[in-house]
């Protein structure tokens, strides 16, 4: 594995060695991901507090007209992607 490949994968060029800069980079990435998740949750909260599990259709099965469905679906997708990535 080249040094560049090791940096991209989050490891170092020496197997099993973790440097302070590696830990700092991981902490920076963690904070960035948490900020993205919070921003997406804020979008969901701005849409009548719809959250991750509330239905996007009314009792008759029609799409809800009181929320921006595109924003909600995009925010939910981004939260799921951020959490799994």
PDB file of N, CA and C in Angstrom:
ATOM      1  N   UNK A   1       0.859  -1.172   0.000  1.00  0.00           N
ATOM      2  CA  UNK A   1       0.000   0.000   0.000  1.00  0.00           C
ATOM      3  C   UNK A   1       0.899   1.227   0.000  1.00  0.00           C
ATOM      4  N   UNK A   2       0.646   2.157  -0.882  1.00  0.00           N
ATOM      5  CA  UNK A   2       1.445   3.372  -0.937  1.00  0.00           C
ATOM      6  C   UNK A   2       1.062   4.298   0.213  1.00  0.00           C
ATOM      7  N   UNK A   3       1.899   5.299   0.476  1.00  0.00           N
ATOM      8  CA  UNK A   3       1.593   6.264   1.529  1.00  0.00           C
ATOM      9  C   UNK A   3       0.283   6.986   1.244  1.00  0.00           C
ATOM     10  N   UNK A   4       0.051   7.321  -0.031  1.00  0.00           N
ATOM     11  CA  UNK A   4      -1.184   8.009  -0.407  1.00  0.00           C
ATOM     12  C   UNK A   4      -2.403   7.127  -0.144  1.00  0.00           C
ATOM     13  N   UNK A   5      -2.317   5.851  -0.500  1.00  0.00           N
ATOM     14  CA  UNK A   5      -3.426   4.920  -0.239  1.00  0.00           C
ATOM     15  C   UNK A   5      -3.658   4.776   1.257  1.00  0.00           C
ATOM     16  N   UNK A   6      -2.586   4.735   2.035  1.00  0.00           N
ATOM     17  CA  UNK A   6      -2.725   4.616   3.486  1.00  0.00           C
ATOM     18  C   UNK A   6      -3.417   5.838   4.065  1.00  0.00           C
ATOM     19  N   UNK A   7      -3.050   7.027   3.583  1.00  0.00           N
ATOM     20  CA  UNK A   7      -3.690   8.250   4.068  1.00  0.00           C
ATOM     21  C   UNK A   7      -5.170   8.272   3.699  1.00  0.00           C
ATOM     22  N   UNK A   8      -5.510   7.852   2.484  1.00  0.00           N
ATOM     23  CA  UNK A   8      -6.905   7.861   2.050  1.00  0.00           C
ATOM     24  C   UNK A   8      -7.735   6.859   2.823  1.00  0.00           C
ATOM     25  N   UNK A   9      -7.156   5.757   3.216  1.00  0.00           N
ATOM     26  CA  UNK A   9      -7.916   4.748   3.947  1.00  0.00           C
ATOM     27  C   UNK A   9      -7.982   5.054   5.429  1.00  0.00           C
ATOM     28  N   UNK A  10      -7.296   6.115   5.859  1.00  0.00           N
ATOM     29  CA  UNK A  10      -7.356   6.495   7.259  1.00  0.00           C
ATOM     30  C   UNK A  10      -6.291   5.822   8.097  1.00  0.00           C
ATOM     31  N   UNK A  11      -5.420   5.029   7.501  1.00  0.00           N
ATOM     32  CA  UNK A  11      -4.368   4.365   8.239  1.00  0.00           C
ATOM     33  C   UNK A  11      -3.040   5.025   7.987  1.00  0.00           C
ATOM     34  N   UNK A  12      -2.002   4.427   8.511  1.00  0.00           N
ATOM     35  CA  UNK A  12      -0.669   4.941   8.261  1.00  0.00           C
ATOM     36  C   UNK A  12       0.083   3.915   7.430  1.00  0.00           C
ATOM     37  N   UNK A  13       1.261   4.305   6.953  1.00  0.00           N
ATOM     38  CA  UNK A  13       2.006   3.404   6.078  1.00  0.00           C
ATOM     39  C   UNK A  13       2.577   2.211   6.836  1.00  0.00           C
ATOM     40  N   UNK A  14       2.696   2.303   8.155  1.00  0.00           N
ATOM     41  CA  UNK A  14       3.177   1.190   8.962  1.00  0.00           C
ATOM     42  C   UNK A  14       1.982   0.526   9.626  1.00  0.00           C
ATOM     43  N   UNK A  15       1.868  -0.766   9.454  1.00  0.00           N
ATOM     44  CA  UNK A  15       0.716  -1.495   9.989  1.00  0.00           C
ATOM     45  C   UNK A  15       0.681  -1.383  11.509  1.00  0.00           C
ATOM     46  N   UNK A  16      -0.494  -1.031  12.052  1.00  0.00           N
ATOM     47  CA  UNK A  16      -0.693  -0.999  13.487  1.00  0.00           C
ATOM     48  C   UNK A  16      -0.216   0.267  14.173  1.00  0.00           C
ATOM     49  N   UNK A  17       0.375   1.207  13.461  1.00  0.00           N
ATOM     50  CA  UNK A  17       0.868   2.432  14.067  1.00  0.00           C
ATOM     51  C   UNK A  17      -0.165   3.531  13.834  1.00  0.00           C
ATOM     52  N   UNK A  18      -0.605   4.139  14.921  1.00  0.00           N
ATOM     53  CA  UNK A  18      -1.561   5.232  14.839  1.00  0.00           C
ATOM     54  C   UNK A  18      -0.878   6.472  15.400  1.00  0.00           C
ATOM     55  N   UNK A  19      -0.833   7.502  14.588  1.00  0.00           N
ATOM     56  CA  UNK A  19      -0.172   8.724  15.012  1.00  0.00           C
ATOM     57  C   UNK A  19      -1.188   9.722  15.546  1.00  0.00           C
ATOM     58  N   UNK A  20      -0.680  10.751  16.192  1.00  0.00           N
ATOM     59  CA  UNK A  20      -1.540  11.810  16.706  1.00  0.00           C
ATOM     60  C   UNK A  20      -2.288  12.477  15.549  1.00  0.00           C
ATOM     61  N   UNK A  21      -1.608  12.670  14.429  1.00  0.00           N
ATOM     62  CA  UNK A  21      -2.274  13.300  13.283  1.00  0.00           C
ATOM     63  C   UNK A  21      -3.386  12.405  12.728  1.00  0.00           C
ATOM     64  N   UNK A  22      -3.210  11.080  12.795  1.00  0.00           N
ATOM     65  CA  UNK A  22      -4.281  10.166  12.376  1.00  0.00           C
ATOM     66  C   UNK A  22      -5.515  10.347  13.257  1.00  0.00           C
ATOM     67  N   UNK A  23      -5.299  10.428  14.569  1.00  0.00           N
ATOM     68  CA  UNK A  23      -6.400  10.594  15.506  1.00  0.00           C
ATOM     69  C   UNK A  23      -7.065  11.953  15.304  1.00  0.00           C
ATOM     70  N   UNK A  24      -6.267  12.994  15.109  1.00  0.00           N
ATOM     71  CA  UNK A  24      -6.829  14.323  14.875  1.00  0.00           C
ATOM     72  C   UNK A  24      -7.671  14.349  13.604  1.00  0.00           C
ATOM     73  N   UNK A  25      -7.206  13.688  12.565  1.00  0.00           N
ATOM     74  CA  UNK A  25      -7.963  13.634  11.311  1.00  0.00           C
ATOM     75  C   UNK A  25      -9.281  12.884  11.510  1.00  0.00           C
ATOM     76  N   UNK A  26      -9.255  11.784  12.237  1.00  0.00           N
ATOM     77  CA  UNK A  26     -10.487  11.037  12.511  1.00  0.00           C
ATOM     78  C   UNK A  26     -11.457  11.871  13.341  1.00  0.00           C
ATOM     79  N   UNK A  27     -10.940  12.597  14.315  1.00  0.00           N
ATOM     80  CA  UNK A  27     -11.800  13.458  15.131  1.00  0.00           C
ATOM     81  C   UNK A  27     -12.418  14.565  14.279  1.00  0.00           C
ATOM     82  N   UNK A  28     -11.640  15.141  13.369  1.00  0.00           N
ATOM     83  CA  UNK A  28     -12.154  16.179  12.481  1.00  0.00           C
ATOM     84  C   UNK A  28     -13.265  15.620  11.595  1.00  0.00           C
ATOM     85  N   UNK A  29     -13.031  14.413  11.045  1.00  0.00           N
ATOM     86  CA  UNK A  29     -14.052  13.784  10.193  1.00  0.00           C
ATOM     87  C   UNK A  29     -15.313  13.478  10.984  1.00  0.00           C
ATOM     88  N   UNK A  30     -15.164  13.002  12.229  1.00  0.00           N
ATOM     89  CA  UNK A  30     -16.310  12.703  13.091  1.00  0.00           C
ATOM     90  C   UNK A  30     -17.131  13.965  13.338  1.00  0.00           C
ATOM     91  N   UNK A  31     -16.461  15.067  13.671  1.00  0.00           N
ATOM     92  CA  UNK A  31     -17.162  16.316  13.926  1.00  0.00           C
ATOM     93  C   UNK A  31     -17.872  16.822  12.673  1.00  0.00           C
ATOM     94  N   UNK A  32     -17.248  16.643  11.522  1.00  0.00           N
ATOM     95  CA  UNK A  32     -17.862  17.050  10.255  1.00  0.00           C
ATOM     96  C   UNK A  32     -19.127  16.242   9.978  1.00  0.00           C
ATOM     97  N   UNK A  33     -19.064  14.937  10.198  1.00  0.00           N
ATOM     98  CA  UNK A  33     -20.228  14.065   9.983  1.00  0.00           C
ATOM     99  C   UNK A  33     -21.343  14.424  10.962  1.00  0.00           C
ATOM    100  N   UNK A  34     -20.989  14.647  12.233  1.00  0.00           N
ATOM    101  CA  UNK A  34     -21.998  15.018  13.222  1.00  0.00           C
ATOM    102  C   UNK A  34     -22.670  16.342  12.861  1.00  0.00           C
ATOM    103  N   UNK A  35     -21.904  17.296  12.339  1.00  0.00           N
ATOM    104  CA  UNK A  35     -22.475  18.584  11.926  1.00  0.00           C
ATOM    105  C   UNK A  35     -23.439  18.397  10.758  1.00  0.00           C
ATOM    106  N   UNK A  36     -23.087  17.519   9.819  1.00  0.00           N
ATOM    107  CA  UNK A  36     -23.976  17.254   8.683  1.00  0.00           C
ATOM    108  C   UNK A  36     -25.273  16.610   9.157  1.00  0.00           C
ATOM    109  N   UNK A  37     -25.173  15.654  10.067  1.00  0.00           N
ATOM    110  CA  UNK A  37     -26.371  14.990  10.596  1.00  0.00           C
ATOM    111  C   UNK A  37     -27.248  15.991  11.326  1.00  0.00           C
ATOM    112  N   UNK A  38     -26.647  16.855  12.154  1.00  0.00           N
ATOM    113  CA  UNK A  38     -27.429  17.852  12.882  1.00  0.00           C
ATOM    114  C   UNK A  38     -28.125  18.808  11.915  1.00  0.00           C
ATOM    115  N   UNK A  39     -27.429  19.239  10.876  1.00  0.00           N
ATOM    116  CA  UNK A  39     -28.037  20.147   9.898  1.00  0.00           C
ATOM    117  C   UNK A  39     -29.237  19.486   9.233  1.00  0.00           C
ATOM    118  N   UNK A  40     -29.135  18.200   8.927  1.00  0.00           N
ATOM    119  CA  UNK A  40     -30.257  17.496   8.304  1.00  0.00           C
ATOM    120  C   UNK A  40     -31.408  17.291   9.281  1.00  0.00           C
ATOM    121  N   UNK A  41     -31.107  17.019  10.562  1.00  0.00           N
ATOM    122  CA  UNK A  41     -32.170  16.921  11.561  1.00  0.00           C
ATOM    123  C   UNK A  41     -32.873  18.263  11.729  1.00  0.00           C
ATOM    124  N   UNK A  42     -32.111  19.362  11.630  1.00  0.00           N
ATOM    125  CA  UNK A  42     -32.728  20.687  11.708  1.00  0.00           C
ATOM    126  C   UNK A  42     -33.710  20.899  10.557  1.00  0.00           C
ATOM    127  N   UNK A  43     -33.372  20.403   9.384  1.00  0.00           N
ATOM    128  CA  UNK A  43     -34.292  20.486   8.243  1.00  0.00           C
ATOM    129  C   UNK A  43     -35.567  19.724   8.557  1.00  0.00           C
ATOM    130  N   UNK A  44     -35.428  18.529   9.117  1.00  0.00           N
ATOM    131  CA  UNK A  44     -36.622  17.735   9.458  1.00  0.00           C
ATOM    132  C   UNK A  44     -37.464  18.445  10.508  1.00  0.00           C
ATOM    133  N   UNK A  45     -36.814  19.024  11.509  1.00  0.00           N
ATOM    134  CA  UNK A  45     -37.553  19.736  12.551  1.00  0.00           C
ATOM    135  C   UNK A  45     -38.273  20.958  11.983  1.00  0.00           C
ATOM    136  N   UNK A  46     -37.677  21.596  10.971  1.00  0.00           N
ATOM    137  CA  UNK A  46     -38.315  22.776  10.378  1.00  0.00           C
ATOM    138  C   UNK A  46     -39.554  22.403   9.570  1.00  0.00           C
ATOM    139  N   UNK A  47     -39.694  21.145   9.235  1.00  0.00           N
ATOM    140  CA  UNK A  47     -40.854  20.654   8.476  1.00  0.00           C
ATOM    141  C   UNK A  47     -41.875  20.044   9.441  1.00  0.00           C
ATOM    142  N   UNK A  48     -42.359  20.867  10.341  1.00  0.00           N
ATOM    143  CA  UNK A  48     -43.383  20.454  11.319  1.00  0.00           C
ATOM    144  C   UNK A  48     -42.904  19.302  12.192  1.00  0.00           C
ATOM    145  N   UNK A  49     -41.578  19.248  12.455  1.00  0.00           N
ATOM    146  CA  UNK A  49     -41.033  18.224  13.342  1.00  0.00           C
ATOM    147  C   UNK A  49     -41.233  16.816  12.829  1.00  0.00           C
ATOM    148  N   UNK A  50     -41.134  16.625  11.533  1.00  0.00           N
ATOM    149  CA  UNK A  50     -41.507  15.354  10.915  1.00  0.00           C
ATOM    150  C   UNK A  50     -40.595  14.190  11.307  1.00  0.00           C
ATOM    151  N   UNK A  51     -39.326  14.410  11.576  1.00  0.00           N
ATOM    152  CA  UNK A  51     -38.437  13.351  12.020  1.00  0.00           C
ATOM    153  C   UNK A  51     -38.151  12.296  10.963  1.00  0.00           C
ATOM    154  N   UNK A  52     -37.621  11.164  11.429  1.00  0.00           N
ATOM    155  CA  UNK A  52     -37.184  10.098  10.521  1.00  0.00           C
ATOM    156  C   UNK A  52     -38.273   9.076  10.213  1.00  0.00           C
ATOM    157  N   UNK A  53     -39.292   8.972  11.057  1.00  0.00           N
ATOM    158  CA  UNK A  53     -40.233   7.863  10.920  1.00  0.00           C
ATOM    159  C   UNK A  53     -41.669   8.254  10.623  1.00  0.00           C
ATOM    160  N   UNK A  54     -41.989   9.532  10.710  1.00  0.00           N
ATOM    161  CA  UNK A  54     -43.363   9.933  10.475  1.00  0.00           C
ATOM    162  C   UNK A  54     -43.733   9.717   9.009  1.00  0.00           C
ATOM    163  N   UNK A  55     -44.974   9.342   8.750  1.00  0.00           N
ATOM    164  CA  UNK A  55     -45.392   9.067   7.366  1.00  0.00           C
ATOM    165  C   UNK A  55     -45.397  10.335   6.519  1.00  0.00           C
ATOM    166  N   UNK A  56     -45.138  10.150   5.242  1.00  0.00           N
ATOM    167  CA  UNK A  56     -45.156  11.263   4.294  1.00  0.00           C
ATOM    168  C   UNK A  56     -46.446  11.290   3.482  1.00  0.00           C
ATOM    169  N   UNK A  57     -47.398  10.456   3.870  1.00  0.00           N
ATOM    170  CA  UNK A  57     -48.717  10.441   3.235  1.00  0.00           C
ATOM    171  C   UNK A  57     -49.776  10.670   4.307  1.00  0.00           C
ATOM    172  N   UNK A  58     -50.924  11.193   3.879  1.00  0.00           N
ATOM    173  CA  UNK A  58     -52.008  11.426   4.836  1.00  0.00           C
ATOM    174  C   UNK A  58     -52.809  10.142   5.057  1.00  0.00           C
ATOM    175  N   UNK A  59     -53.893  10.248   5.812  1.00  0.00           N
ATOM    176  CA  UNK A  59     -54.681   9.056   6.149  1.00  0.00           C
ATOM    177  C   UNK A  59     -55.342   8.430   4.928  1.00  0.00           C
ATOM    178  N   UNK A  60     -55.461   9.176   3.825  1.00  0.00           N
ATOM    179  CA  UNK A  60     -56.044   8.635   2.600  1.00  0.00           C
ATOM    180  C   UNK A  60     -54.990   8.133   1.619  1.00  0.00           C
ATOM    181  N   UNK A  61     -53.737   8.243   2.015  1.00  0.00           N
ATOM    182  CA  UNK A  61     -52.664   7.736   1.163  1.00  0.00           C
ATOM    183  C   UNK A  61     -52.091   8.739   0.174  1.00  0.00           C
ATOM    184  N   UNK A  62     -52.513   9.996   0.275  1.00  0.00           N
ATOM    185  CA  UNK A  62     -51.988  11.041  -0.609  1.00  0.00           C
ATOM    186  C   UNK A  62     -50.753  11.683   0.020  1.00  0.00           C
ATOM    187  N   UNK A  63     -49.837  12.165  -0.807  1.00  0.00           N
ATOM    188  CA  UNK A  63     -48.656  12.851  -0.256  1.00  0.00           C
ATOM    189  C   UNK A  63     -49.086  14.052   0.589  1.00  0.00           C
ATOM    190  N   UNK A  64     -48.404  14.233   1.706  1.00  0.00           N
ATOM    191  CA  UNK A  64     -48.733  15.350   2.588  1.00  0.00           C
ATOM    192  C   UNK A  64     -48.444  16.668   1.896  1.00  0.00           C
ATOM    193  N   UNK A  65     -49.375  17.598   2.034  1.00  0.00           N
ATOM    194  CA  UNK A  65     -49.205  18.906   1.401  1.00  0.00           C
ATOM    195  C   UNK A  65     -48.654  19.935   2.385  1.00  0.00           C
ATOM    196  N   UNK A  66     -48.541  19.571   3.657  1.00  0.00           N
ATOM    197  CA  UNK A  66     -48.094  20.529   4.666  1.00  0.00           C
ATOM    198  C   UNK A  66     -46.584  20.496   4.899  1.00  0.00           C
ATOM    199  N   UNK A  67     -45.866  19.625   4.189  1.00  0.00           N
ATOM    200  CA  UNK A  67     -44.409  19.564   4.322  1.00  0.00           C
ATOM    201  C   UNK A  67     -43.779  19.516   2.931  1.00  0.00           C
ATOM    202  N   UNK A  68     -42.525  19.915   2.861  1.00  0.00           N
ATOM    203  CA  UNK A  68     -41.775  19.846   1.612  1.00  0.00           C
ATOM    204  C   UNK A  68     -41.199  18.432   1.508  1.00  0.00           C
ATOM    205  N   UNK A  69     -41.879  17.584   0.761  1.00  0.00           N
ATOM    206  CA  UNK A  69     -41.502  16.172   0.691  1.00  0.00           C
ATOM    207  C   UNK A  69     -40.087  15.980   0.148  1.00  0.00           C
ATOM    208  N   UNK A  70     -39.702  16.784  -0.821  1.00  0.00           N
ATOM    209  CA  UNK A  70     -38.356  16.662  -1.389  1.00  0.00           C
ATOM    210  C   UNK A  70     -37.301  16.938  -0.325  1.00  0.00           C
ATOM    211  N   UNK A  71     -37.489  18.010   0.442  1.00  0.00           N
ATOM    212  CA  UNK A  71     -36.534  18.331   1.504  1.00  0.00           C
ATOM    213  C   UNK A  71     -36.478  17.236   2.553  1.00  0.00           C
ATOM    214  N   UNK A  72     -37.618  16.723   2.947  1.00  0.00           N
ATOM    215  CA  UNK A  72     -37.672  15.687   3.977  1.00  0.00           C
ATOM    216  C   UNK A  72     -36.981  14.416   3.497  1.00  0.00           C
ATOM    217  N   UNK A  73     -37.295  13.983   2.288  1.00  0.00           N
ATOM    218  CA  UNK A  73     -36.678  12.749   1.775  1.00  0.00           C
ATOM    219  C   UNK A  73     -35.182  12.914   1.588  1.00  0.00           C
ATOM    220  N   UNK A  74     -34.756  14.091   1.118  1.00  0.00           N
ATOM    221  CA  UNK A  74     -33.330  14.348   0.942  1.00  0.00           C
ATOM    222  C   UNK A  74     -32.622  14.353   2.292  1.00  0.00           C
ATOM    223  N   UNK A  75     -33.205  15.014   3.289  1.00  0.00           N
ATOM    224  CA  UNK A  75     -32.594  15.056   4.623  1.00  0.00           C
ATOM    225  C   UNK A  75     -32.521  13.656   5.225  1.00  0.00           C
ATOM    226  N   UNK A  76     -33.591  12.876   5.107  1.00  0.00           N
ATOM    227  CA  UNK A  76     -33.569  11.502   5.633  1.00  0.00           C
ATOM    228  C   UNK A  76     -32.490  10.673   4.947  1.00  0.00           C
ATOM    229  N   UNK A  77     -32.399  10.804   3.632  1.00  0.00           N
ATOM    230  CA  UNK A  77     -31.379  10.066   2.882  1.00  0.00           C
ATOM    231  C   UNK A  77     -29.981  10.466   3.354  1.00  0.00           C
ATOM    232  N   UNK A  78     -29.751  11.764   3.513  1.00  0.00           N
ATOM    233  CA  UNK A  78     -28.437  12.238   3.932  1.00  0.00           C
ATOM    234  C   UNK A  78     -28.076  11.768   5.333  1.00  0.00           C
ATOM    235  N   UNK A  79     -29.056  11.722   6.222  1.00  0.00           N
ATOM    236  CA  UNK A  79     -28.793  11.230   7.581  1.00  0.00           C
ATOM    237  C   UNK A  79     -28.415   9.760   7.544  1.00  0.00           C
ATOM    238  N   UNK A  80     -29.160   8.979   6.798  1.00  0.00           N
ATOM    239  CA  UNK A  80     -28.860   7.544   6.694  1.00  0.00           C
ATOM    240  C   UNK A  80     -27.492   7.324   6.062  1.00  0.00           C
ATOM    241  N   UNK A  81     -27.196   8.075   5.017  1.00  0.00           N
ATOM    242  CA  UNK A  81     -25.920   7.925   4.327  1.00  0.00           C
ATOM    243  C   UNK A  81     -24.764   8.342   5.237  1.00  0.00           C
ATOM    244  N   UNK A  82     -24.932   9.458   5.984  1.00  0.00           N
ATOM    245  CA  UNK A  82     -23.881   9.931   6.877  1.00  0.00           C
ATOM    246  C   UNK A  82     -23.617   8.932   7.995  1.00  0.00           C
ATOM    247  N   UNK A  83     -24.689   8.359   8.526  1.00  0.00           N
ATOM    248  CA  UNK A  83     -24.535   7.420   9.623  1.00  0.00           C
ATOM    249  C   UNK A  83     -23.891   6.109   9.197  1.00  0.00           C
ATOM    250  N   UNK A  84     -24.095   5.722   7.958  1.00  0.00           N
ATOM    251  CA  UNK A  84     -23.538   4.444   7.503  1.00  0.00           C
ATOM    252  C   UNK A  84     -22.170   4.604   6.856  1.00  0.00           C
ATOM    253  N   UNK A  85     -21.837   5.812   6.442  1.00  0.00           N
ATOM    254  CA  UNK A  85     -20.607   6.055   5.697  1.00  0.00           C
ATOM    255  C   UNK A  85     -19.426   6.182   6.548  1.00  0.00           C
TER     256      UNK A  85
END
